Amino acid sequence: MNPWIVLPTLAVLAVVFVMLPVGLAVYASYGRQKLVRCPETGGQAAVAVDRYRAGLGAALGTRLTRIRACSLWPGRQGCGQACRPLAEEATQDVGRAA
């Protein structure tokens, strides 16, 4: 068998059956805004994570999460986004909050 056919085929299979599903699952999980406690103000904030960057980072095996929108902005637009780990762990969606 020709290795120049087998190796690219294995790479394509890895992308299709491993990286793509992981990236799409993370992309889908960040579809709604999450409620988190702001580390700087201590108050509740609704944050939206950049879904594309998060999905791409998960597919590549790294964290590329970035907050795309926050209910405390524009007043705190220049914040350091210290709530990113909280947004990754948050399970309560804003749409379902009581």
PDB file of N, CA and C in Angstrom:
ATOM      1  N   MET A   1       0.829  -1.188   0.000  1.00  0.00           N
ATOM      2  CA  MET A   1       0.000   0.000   0.000  1.00  0.00           C
ATOM      3  C   MET A   1       0.868   1.244   0.000  1.00  0.00           C
ATOM      4  N   ASN A   2       0.403   2.224  -0.687  1.00  0.00           N
ATOM      5  CA  ASN A   2       1.138   3.476  -0.808  1.00  0.00           C
ATOM      6  C   ASN A   2       0.924   4.342   0.448  1.00  0.00           C
ATOM      7  N   PRO A   3       1.997   4.700   1.170  1.00  0.00           N
ATOM      8  CA  PRO A   3       1.827   5.506   2.389  1.00  0.00           C
ATOM      9  C   PRO A   3       1.328   6.924   2.097  1.00  0.00           C
ATOM     10  N   TRP A   4       1.507   7.413   0.895  1.00  0.00           N
ATOM     11  CA  TRP A   4       1.048   8.763   0.549  1.00  0.00           C
ATOM     12  C   TRP A   4      -0.460   8.813   0.358  1.00  0.00           C
ATOM     13  N   ILE A   5      -1.088   7.657   0.318  1.00  0.00           N
ATOM     14  CA  ILE A   5      -2.551   7.599   0.279  1.00  0.00           C
ATOM     15  C   ILE A   5      -3.097   7.300   1.671  1.00  0.00           C
ATOM     16  N   VAL A   6      -2.425   6.423   2.400  1.00  0.00           N
ATOM     17  CA  VAL A   6      -2.902   6.000   3.717  1.00  0.00           C
ATOM     18  C   VAL A   6      -2.812   7.133   4.738  1.00  0.00           C
ATOM     19  N   LEU A   7      -1.702   7.848   4.790  1.00  0.00           N
ATOM     20  CA  LEU A   7      -1.520   8.892   5.803  1.00  0.00           C
ATOM     21  C   LEU A   7      -2.521  10.045   5.665  1.00  0.00           C
ATOM     22  N   PRO A   8      -2.731  10.598   4.480  1.00  0.00           N
ATOM     23  CA  PRO A   8      -3.766  11.647   4.371  1.00  0.00           C
ATOM     24  C   PRO A   8      -5.172  11.125   4.677  1.00  0.00           C
ATOM     25  N   THR A   9      -5.422   9.876   4.326  1.00  0.00           N
ATOM     26  CA  THR A   9      -6.727   9.291   4.620  1.00  0.00           C
ATOM     27  C   THR A   9      -6.942   9.187   6.122  1.00  0.00           C
ATOM     28  N   LEU A  10      -5.919   8.769   6.867  1.00  0.00           N
ATOM     29  CA  LEU A  10      -6.018   8.707   8.324  1.00  0.00           C
ATOM     30  C   LEU A  10      -6.214  10.090   8.929  1.00  0.00           C
ATOM     31  N   ALA A  11      -5.559  11.089   8.379  1.00  0.00           N
ATOM     32  CA  ALA A  11      -5.720  12.462   8.872  1.00  0.00           C
ATOM     33  C   ALA A  11      -7.145  12.953   8.647  1.00  0.00           C
ATOM     34  N   VAL A  12      -7.700  12.674   7.493  1.00  0.00           N
ATOM     35  CA  VAL A  12      -9.076  13.083   7.204  1.00  0.00           C
ATOM     36  C   VAL A  12     -10.054  12.363   8.126  1.00  0.00           C
ATOM     37  N   LEU A  13      -9.841  11.078   8.352  1.00  0.00           N
ATOM     38  CA  LEU A  13     -10.709  10.321   9.254  1.00  0.00           C
ATOM     39  C   LEU A  13     -10.636  10.859  10.680  1.00  0.00           C
ATOM     40  N   ALA A  14      -9.434  11.241  11.122  1.00  0.00           N
ATOM     41  CA  ALA A  14      -9.281  11.809  12.464  1.00  0.00           C
ATOM     42  C   ALA A  14     -10.053  13.123  12.581  1.00  0.00           C
ATOM     43  N   VAL A  15      -9.985  13.944  11.565  1.00  0.00           N
ATOM     44  CA  VAL A  15     -10.714  15.215  11.590  1.00  0.00           C
ATOM     45  C   VAL A  15     -12.219  14.969  11.593  1.00  0.00           C
ATOM     46  N   VAL A  16     -12.680  14.087  10.734  1.00  0.00           N
ATOM     47  CA  VAL A  16     -14.118  13.869  10.583  1.00  0.00           C
ATOM     48  C   VAL A  16     -14.728  13.175  11.799  1.00  0.00           C
ATOM     49  N   PHE A  17     -14.036  12.192  12.362  1.00  0.00           N
ATOM     50  CA  PHE A  17     -14.643  11.384  13.421  1.00  0.00           C
ATOM     51  C   PHE A  17     -14.203  11.761  14.832  1.00  0.00           C
ATOM     52  N   VAL A  18     -13.221  12.636  14.994  1.00  0.00           N
ATOM     53  CA  VAL A  18     -12.780  13.036  16.330  1.00  0.00           C
ATOM     54  C   VAL A  18     -12.886  14.548  16.513  1.00  0.00           C
ATOM     55  N   MET A  19     -12.156  15.294  15.722  1.00  0.00           N
ATOM     56  CA  MET A  19     -12.082  16.735  15.932  1.00  0.00           C
ATOM     57  C   MET A  19     -13.403  17.439  15.627  1.00  0.00           C
ATOM     58  N   LEU A  20     -14.050  17.083  14.543  1.00  0.00           N
ATOM     59  CA  LEU A  20     -15.292  17.742  14.155  1.00  0.00           C
ATOM     60  C   LEU A  20     -16.405  17.536  15.188  1.00  0.00           C
ATOM     61  N   PRO A  21     -16.666  16.315  15.659  1.00  0.00           N
ATOM     62  CA  PRO A  21     -17.715  16.150  16.675  1.00  0.00           C
ATOM     63  C   PRO A  21     -17.401  16.876  17.991  1.00  0.00           C
ATOM     64  N   VAL A  22     -16.151  16.884  18.398  1.00  0.00           N
ATOM     65  CA  VAL A  22     -15.785  17.595  19.627  1.00  0.00           C
ATOM     66  C   VAL A  22     -16.021  19.089  19.460  1.00  0.00           C
ATOM     67  N   GLY A  23     -15.566  19.636  18.366  1.00  0.00           N
ATOM     68  CA  GLY A  23     -15.750  21.060  18.115  1.00  0.00           C
ATOM     69  C   GLY A  23     -17.210  21.450  18.017  1.00  0.00           C
ATOM     70  N   LEU A  24     -18.009  20.634  17.342  1.00  0.00           N
ATOM     71  CA  LEU A  24     -19.435  20.927  17.206  1.00  0.00           C
ATOM     72  C   LEU A  24     -20.179  20.808  18.531  1.00  0.00           C
ATOM     73  N   ALA A  25     -19.788  19.861  19.376  1.00  0.00           N
ATOM     74  CA  ALA A  25     -20.429  19.713  20.683  1.00  0.00           C
ATOM     75  C   ALA A  25     -20.167  20.936  21.557  1.00  0.00           C
ATOM     76  N   VAL A  26     -18.935  21.416  21.552  1.00  0.00           N
ATOM     77  CA  VAL A  26     -18.618  22.611  22.336  1.00  0.00           C
ATOM     78  C   VAL A  26     -19.313  23.827  21.742  1.00  0.00           C
ATOM     79  N   TYR A  27     -19.326  23.942  20.435  1.00  0.00           N
ATOM     80  CA  TYR A  27     -20.023  25.044  19.763  1.00  0.00           C
ATOM     81  C   TYR A  27     -21.494  25.077  20.177  1.00  0.00           C
ATOM     82  N   ALA A  28     -22.139  23.929  20.195  1.00  0.00           N
ATOM     83  CA  ALA A  28     -23.552  23.860  20.563  1.00  0.00           C
ATOM     84  C   ALA A  28     -23.771  24.159  22.043  1.00  0.00           C
ATOM     85  N   SER A  29     -22.841  23.778  22.899  1.00  0.00           N
ATOM     86  CA  SER A  29     -23.029  23.982  24.334  1.00  0.00           C
ATOM     87  C   SER A  29     -22.973  25.451  24.728  1.00  0.00           C
ATOM     88  N   TYR A  30     -22.361  26.295  23.926  1.00  0.00           N
ATOM     89  CA  TYR A  30     -22.286  27.717  24.231  1.00  0.00           C
ATOM     90  C   TYR A  30     -23.317  28.523  23.448  1.00  0.00           C
ATOM     91  N   GLY A  31     -24.427  27.903  23.080  1.00  0.00           N
ATOM     92  CA  GLY A  31     -25.438  28.571  22.291  1.00  0.00           C
ATOM     93  C   GLY A  31     -26.230  29.622  23.052  1.00  0.00           C
ATOM     94  N   ARG A  32     -26.331  29.496  24.351  1.00  0.00           N
ATOM     95  CA  ARG A  32     -27.098  30.435  25.155  1.00  0.00           C
ATOM     96  C   ARG A  32     -26.180  31.159  26.126  1.00  0.00           C
ATOM     97  N   GLN A  33     -26.650  32.308  26.571  1.00  0.00           N
ATOM     98  CA  GLN A  33     -25.901  33.053  27.584  1.00  0.00           C
ATOM     99  C   GLN A  33     -25.950  32.295  28.898  1.00  0.00           C
ATOM    100  N   LYS A  34     -24.884  32.409  29.680  1.00  0.00           N
ATOM    101  CA  LYS A  34     -24.776  31.742  30.972  1.00  0.00           C
ATOM    102  C   LYS A  34     -24.765  32.772  32.089  1.00  0.00           C
ATOM    103  N   LEU A  35     -25.341  32.408  33.232  1.00  0.00           N
ATOM    104  CA  LEU A  35     -25.278  33.256  34.411  1.00  0.00           C
ATOM    105  C   LEU A  35     -24.040  32.903  35.220  1.00  0.00           C
ATOM    106  N   VAL A  36     -23.220  33.889  35.499  1.00  0.00           N
ATOM    107  CA  VAL A  36     -22.021  33.689  36.316  1.00  0.00           C
ATOM    108  C   VAL A  36     -21.917  34.839  37.307  1.00  0.00           C
ATOM    109  N   ARG A  37     -21.109  34.636  38.327  1.00  0.00           N
ATOM    110  CA  ARG A  37     -20.821  35.693  39.279  1.00  0.00           C
ATOM    111  C   ARG A  37     -19.544  36.387  38.823  1.00  0.00           C
ATOM    112  N   CYS A  38     -19.644  37.693  38.613  1.00  0.00           N
ATOM    113  CA  CYS A  38     -18.492  38.463  38.143  1.00  0.00           C
ATOM    114  C   CYS A  38     -17.419  38.482  39.225  1.00  0.00           C
ATOM    115  N   PRO A  39     -16.188  38.064  38.915  1.00  0.00           N
ATOM    116  CA  PRO A  39     -15.117  38.058  39.918  1.00  0.00           C
ATOM    117  C   PRO A  39     -14.710  39.469  40.346  1.00  0.00           C
ATOM    118  N   GLU A  40     -14.956  40.457  39.514  1.00  0.00           N
ATOM    119  CA  GLU A  40     -14.529  41.819  39.838  1.00  0.00           C
ATOM    120  C   GLU A  40     -15.569  42.571  40.654  1.00  0.00           C
ATOM    121  N   THR A  41     -16.864  42.431  40.295  1.00  0.00           N
ATOM    122  CA  THR A  41     -17.911  43.175  41.000  1.00  0.00           C
ATOM    123  C   THR A  41     -18.635  42.335  42.038  1.00  0.00           C
ATOM    124  N   GLY A  42     -18.601  41.011  41.885  1.00  0.00           N
ATOM    125  CA  GLY A  42     -19.311  40.128  42.803  1.00  0.00           C
ATOM    126  C   GLY A  42     -20.778  39.954  42.458  1.00  0.00           C
ATOM    127  N   GLY A  43     -21.276  40.668  41.450  1.00  0.00           N
ATOM    128  CA  GLY A  43     -22.678  40.571  41.055  1.00  0.00           C
ATOM    129  C   GLY A  43     -22.903  39.535  39.977  1.00  0.00           C
ATOM    130  N   GLN A  44     -24.183  39.246  39.733  1.00  0.00           N
ATOM    131  CA  GLN A  44     -24.546  38.307  38.676  1.00  0.00           C
ATOM    132  C   GLN A  44     -24.376  38.972  37.314  1.00  0.00           C
ATOM    133  N   ALA A  45     -23.903  38.212  36.365  1.00  0.00           N
ATOM    134  CA  ALA A  45     -23.733  38.714  35.003  1.00  0.00           C
ATOM    135  C   ALA A  45     -24.130  37.615  34.028  1.00  0.00           C
ATOM    136  N   ALA A  46     -24.762  38.013  32.960  1.00  0.00           N
ATOM    137  CA  ALA A  46     -25.090  37.092  31.867  1.00  0.00           C
ATOM    138  C   ALA A  46     -24.007  37.259  30.805  1.00  0.00           C
ATOM    139  N   VAL A  47     -23.276  36.183  30.532  1.00  0.00           N
ATOM    140  CA  VAL A  47     -22.184  36.259  29.573  1.00  0.00           C
ATOM    141  C   VAL A  47     -22.457  35.328  28.401  1.00  0.00           C
ATOM    142  N   ALA A  48     -21.985  35.744  27.240  1.00  0.00           N
ATOM    143  CA  ALA A  48     -22.061  34.926  26.031  1.00  0.00           C
ATOM    144  C   ALA A  48     -20.632  34.661  25.579  1.00  0.00           C
ATOM    145  N   VAL A  49     -20.314  33.405  25.393  1.00  0.00           N
ATOM    146  CA  VAL A  49     -18.976  32.997  24.974  1.00  0.00           C
ATOM    147  C   VAL A  49     -18.925  32.967  23.455  1.00  0.00           C
ATOM    148  N   ASP A  50     -17.794  33.339  22.890  1.00  0.00           N
ATOM    149  CA  ASP A  50     -17.587  33.254  21.442  1.00  0.00           C
ATOM    150  C   ASP A  50     -17.586  31.773  21.068  1.00  0.00           C
ATOM    151  N   ARG A  51     -18.697  31.313  20.510  1.00  0.00           N
ATOM    152  CA  ARG A  51     -18.892  29.891  20.218  1.00  0.00           C
ATOM    153  C   ARG A  51     -17.892  29.356  19.210  1.00  0.00           C
ATOM    154  N   TYR A  52     -17.601  30.134  18.193  1.00  0.00           N
ATOM    155  CA  TYR A  52     -16.692  29.676  17.145  1.00  0.00           C
ATOM    156  C   TYR A  52     -15.294  29.416  17.711  1.00  0.00           C
ATOM    157  N   ARG A  53     -14.771  30.373  18.474  1.00  0.00           N
ATOM    158  CA  ARG A  53     -13.433  30.208  19.062  1.00  0.00           C
ATOM    159  C   ARG A  53     -13.397  29.043  20.045  1.00  0.00           C
ATOM    160  N   ALA A  54     -14.459  28.891  20.843  1.00  0.00           N
ATOM    161  CA  ALA A  54     -14.499  27.796  21.815  1.00  0.00           C
ATOM    162  C   ALA A  54     -14.519  26.442  21.113  1.00  0.00           C
ATOM    163  N   GLY A  55     -15.318  26.315  20.059  1.00  0.00           N
ATOM    164  CA  GLY A  55     -15.382  25.057  19.313  1.00  0.00           C
ATOM    165  C   GLY A  55     -14.081  24.739  18.606  1.00  0.00           C
ATOM    166  N   LEU A  56     -13.468  25.756  18.008  1.00  0.00           N
ATOM    167  CA  LEU A  56     -12.187  25.559  17.339  1.00  0.00           C
ATOM    168  C   LEU A  56     -11.109  25.157  18.337  1.00  0.00           C
ATOM    169  N   GLY A  57     -11.092  25.813  19.488  1.00  0.00           N
ATOM    170  CA  GLY A  57     -10.113  25.475  20.520  1.00  0.00           C
ATOM    171  C   GLY A  57     -10.284  24.054  21.028  1.00  0.00           C
ATOM    172  N   ALA A  58     -11.531  23.638  21.234  1.00  0.00           N
ATOM    173  CA  ALA A  58     -11.771  22.266  21.692  1.00  0.00           C
ATOM    174  C   ALA A  58     -11.328  21.256  20.649  1.00  0.00           C
ATOM    175  N   ALA A  59     -11.578  21.545  19.381  1.00  0.00           N
ATOM    176  CA  ALA A  59     -11.163  20.629  18.315  1.00  0.00           C
ATOM    177  C   ALA A  59      -9.645  20.528  18.231  1.00  0.00           C
ATOM    178  N   LEU A  60      -8.959  21.629  18.529  1.00  0.00           N
ATOM    179  CA  LEU A  60      -7.495  21.631  18.477  1.00  0.00           C
ATOM    180  C   LEU A  60      -6.851  21.205  19.789  1.00  0.00           C
ATOM    181  N   GLY A  61      -7.673  20.990  20.827  1.00  0.00           N
ATOM    182  CA  GLY A  61      -7.153  20.530  22.102  1.00  0.00           C
ATOM    183  C   GLY A  61      -6.599  21.640  22.978  1.00  0.00           C
ATOM    184  N   THR A  62      -7.091  22.853  22.806  1.00  0.00           N
ATOM    185  CA  THR A  62      -6.636  23.977  23.620  1.00  0.00           C
ATOM    186  C   THR A  62      -7.843  24.835  23.989  1.00  0.00           C
ATOM    187  N   ARG A  63      -7.659  25.767  24.900  1.00  0.00           N
ATOM    188  CA  ARG A  63      -8.743  26.664  25.291  1.00  0.00           C
ATOM    189  C   ARG A  63      -8.579  27.998  24.590  1.00  0.00           C
ATOM    190  N   LEU A  64      -9.566  28.330  23.787  1.00  0.00           N
ATOM    191  CA  LEU A  64      -9.571  29.610  23.103  1.00  0.00           C
ATOM    192  C   LEU A  64     -10.810  30.418  23.474  1.00  0.00           C
ATOM    193  N   THR A  65     -11.398  30.146  24.644  1.00  0.00           N
ATOM    194  CA  THR A  65     -12.632  30.829  25.000  1.00  0.00           C
ATOM    195  C   THR A  65     -12.397  32.316  25.222  1.00  0.00           C
ATOM    196  N   ARG A  66     -13.376  33.070  24.809  1.00  0.00           N
ATOM    197  CA  ARG A  66     -13.360  34.518  24.980  1.00  0.00           C
ATOM    198  C   ARG A  66     -14.804  34.961  25.170  1.00  0.00           C
ATOM    199  N   ILE A  67     -15.022  35.877  26.092  1.00  0.00           N
ATOM    200  CA  ILE A  67     -16.359  36.405  26.321  1.00  0.00           C
ATOM    201  C   ILE A  67     -16.709  37.345  25.172  1.00  0.00           C
ATOM    202  N   ARG A  68     -17.829  37.070  24.519  1.00  0.00           N
ATOM    203  CA  ARG A  68     -18.278  37.878  23.385  1.00  0.00           C
ATOM    204  C   ARG A  68     -19.180  39.010  23.847  1.00  0.00           C
ATOM    205  N   ALA A  69     -19.996  38.760  24.864  1.00  0.00           N
ATOM    206  CA  ALA A  69     -20.908  39.776  25.377  1.00  0.00           C
ATOM    207  C   ALA A  69     -21.143  39.537  26.861  1.00  0.00           C
ATOM    208  N   CYS A  70     -21.372  40.627  27.581  1.00  0.00           N
ATOM    209  CA  CYS A  70     -21.610  40.547  29.023  1.00  0.00           C
ATOM    210  C   CYS A  70     -22.659  41.582  29.386  1.00  0.00           C
ATOM    211  N   SER A  71     -23.539  41.232  30.321  1.00  0.00           N
ATOM    212  CA  SER A  71     -24.591  42.166  30.718  1.00  0.00           C
ATOM    213  C   SER A  71     -24.030  43.362  31.487  1.00  0.00           C
ATOM    214  N   LEU A  72     -22.808  43.281  31.978  1.00  0.00           N
ATOM    215  CA  LEU A  72     -22.187  44.399  32.692  1.00  0.00           C
ATOM    216  C   LEU A  72     -21.462  45.360  31.752  1.00  0.00           C
ATOM    217  N   TRP A  73     -21.384  45.013  30.481  1.00  0.00           N
ATOM    218  CA  TRP A  73     -20.779  45.919  29.513  1.00  0.00           C
ATOM    219  C   TRP A  73     -21.853  46.911  29.079  1.00  0.00           C
ATOM    220  N   PRO A  74     -21.591  48.069  28.610  1.00  0.00           N
ATOM    221  CA  PRO A  74     -20.335  48.660  28.200  1.00  0.00           C
ATOM    222  C   PRO A  74     -19.559  49.312  29.345  1.00  0.00           C
ATOM    223  N   GLY A  75     -20.159  49.411  30.523  1.00  0.00           N
ATOM    224  CA  GLY A  75     -19.465  50.065  31.623  1.00  0.00           C
ATOM    225  C   GLY A  75     -18.163  49.391  32.018  1.00  0.00           C
ATOM    226  N   ARG A  76     -18.061  48.077  31.828  1.00  0.00           N
ATOM    227  CA  ARG A  76     -16.853  47.335  32.198  1.00  0.00           C
ATOM    228  C   ARG A  76     -16.238  46.663  30.976  1.00  0.00           C
ATOM    229  N   GLN A  77     -16.316  47.296  29.838  1.00  0.00           N
ATOM    230  CA  GLN A  77     -15.840  46.718  28.572  1.00  0.00           C
ATOM    231  C   GLN A  77     -14.370  46.311  28.628  1.00  0.00           C
ATOM    232  N   GLY A  78     -13.538  47.043  29.320  1.00  0.00           N
ATOM    233  CA  GLY A  78     -12.109  46.748  29.340  1.00  0.00           C
ATOM    234  C   GLY A  78     -11.687  45.748  30.399  1.00  0.00           C
ATOM    235  N   CYS A  79     -12.627  44.988  30.937  1.00  0.00           N
ATOM    236  CA  CYS A  79     -12.266  44.050  32.016  1.00  0.00           C
ATOM    237  C   CYS A  79     -11.358  42.943  31.485  1.00  0.00           C
ATOM    238  N   GLY A  80     -10.698  42.245  32.390  1.00  0.00           N
ATOM    239  CA  GLY A  80      -9.750  41.209  32.015  1.00  0.00           C
ATOM    240  C   GLY A  80     -10.371  39.867  31.687  1.00  0.00           C
ATOM    241  N   GLN A  81     -11.687  39.773  31.665  1.00  0.00           N
ATOM    242  CA  GLN A  81     -12.420  38.541  31.368  1.00  0.00           C
ATOM    243  C   GLN A  81     -12.015  37.402  32.301  1.00  0.00           C
ATOM    244  N   ALA A  82     -11.910  37.720  33.572  1.00  0.00           N
ATOM    245  CA  ALA A  82     -11.560  36.697  34.560  1.00  0.00           C
ATOM    246  C   ALA A  82     -12.684  35.690  34.760  1.00  0.00           C
ATOM    247  N   CYS A  83     -13.868  35.972  34.215  1.00  0.00           N
ATOM    248  CA  CYS A  83     -15.010  35.074  34.375  1.00  0.00           C
ATOM    249  C   CYS A  83     -15.024  33.952  33.338  1.00  0.00           C
ATOM    250  N   ARG A  84     -14.047  33.897  32.450  1.00  0.00           N
ATOM    251  CA  ARG A  84     -14.036  32.843  31.419  1.00  0.00           C
ATOM    252  C   ARG A  84     -14.102  31.442  32.005  1.00  0.00           C
ATOM    253  N   PRO A  85     -13.292  31.107  33.024  1.00  0.00           N
ATOM    254  CA  PRO A  85     -13.431  29.754  33.585  1.00  0.00           C
ATOM    255  C   PRO A  85     -14.806  29.513  34.201  1.00  0.00           C
ATOM    256  N   LEU A  86     -15.410  30.554  34.779  1.00  0.00           N
ATOM    257  CA  LEU A  86     -16.746  30.410  35.345  1.00  0.00           C
ATOM    258  C   LEU A  86     -17.776  30.157  34.259  1.00  0.00           C
ATOM    259  N   ALA A  87     -17.630  30.813  33.123  1.00  0.00           N
ATOM    260  CA  ALA A  87     -18.561  30.614  32.010  1.00  0.00           C
ATOM    261  C   ALA A  87     -18.424  29.212  31.431  1.00  0.00           C
ATOM    262  N   GLU A  88     -17.211  28.665  31.444  1.00  0.00           N
ATOM    263  CA  GLU A  88     -17.008  27.308  30.933  1.00  0.00           C
ATOM    264  C   GLU A  88     -17.680  26.281  31.835  1.00  0.00           C
ATOM    265  N   GLU A  89     -17.732  26.567  33.145  1.00  0.00           N
ATOM    266  CA  GLU A  89     -18.307  25.626  34.101  1.00  0.00           C
ATOM    267  C   GLU A  89     -19.788  25.856  34.340  1.00  0.00           C
ATOM    268  N   ALA A  90     -20.319  27.001  33.942  1.00  0.00           N
ATOM    269  CA  ALA A  90     -21.704  27.360  34.235  1.00  0.00           C
ATOM    270  C   ALA A  90     -22.668  26.396  33.565  1.00  0.00           C
ATOM    271  N   THR A  91     -23.688  26.021  34.311  1.00  0.00           N
ATOM    272  CA  THR A  91     -24.709  25.134  33.765  1.00  0.00           C
ATOM    273  C   THR A  91     -26.053  25.822  33.668  1.00  0.00           C
ATOM    274  N   GLN A  92     -26.208  26.982  34.283  1.00  0.00           N
ATOM    275  CA  GLN A  92     -27.503  27.670  34.277  1.00  0.00           C
ATOM    276  C   GLN A  92     -27.561  28.657  33.114  1.00  0.00           C
ATOM    277  N   ASP A  93     -28.471  28.391  32.191  1.00  0.00           N
ATOM    278  CA  ASP A  93     -28.685  29.274  31.054  1.00  0.00           C
ATOM    279  C   ASP A  93     -29.530  30.455  31.477  1.00  0.00           C
ATOM    280  N   VAL A  94     -29.335  31.585  30.834  1.00  0.00           N
ATOM    281  CA  VAL A  94     -30.115  32.780  31.148  1.00  0.00           C
ATOM    282  C   VAL A  94     -31.581  32.562  30.808  1.00  0.00           C
ATOM    283  N   GLY A  95     -31.870  31.877  29.728  1.00  0.00           N
ATOM    284  CA  GLY A  95     -33.252  31.631  29.321  1.00  0.00           C
ATOM    285  C   GLY A  95     -34.026  30.784  30.300  1.00  0.00           C
ATOM    286  N   ARG A  96     -33.352  29.976  31.099  1.00  0.00           N
ATOM    287  CA  ARG A  96     -34.019  29.084  32.042  1.00  0.00           C
ATOM    288  C   ARG A  96     -33.941  29.581  33.481  1.00  0.00           C
ATOM    289  N   ALA A  97     -33.317  30.734  33.696  1.00  0.00           N
ATOM    290  CA  ALA A  97     -33.157  31.258  35.057  1.00  0.00           C
ATOM    291  C   ALA A  97     -34.507  31.682  35.612  1.00  0.00           C
ATOM    292  N   ALA A  98     -34.708  31.388  36.885  1.00  0.00           N
ATOM    293  CA  ALA A  98     -35.982  31.744  37.515  1.00  0.00           C
ATOM    294  C   ALA A  98     -35.905  33.102  38.157  1.00  0.00           C
TER     295      ALA A  98
END
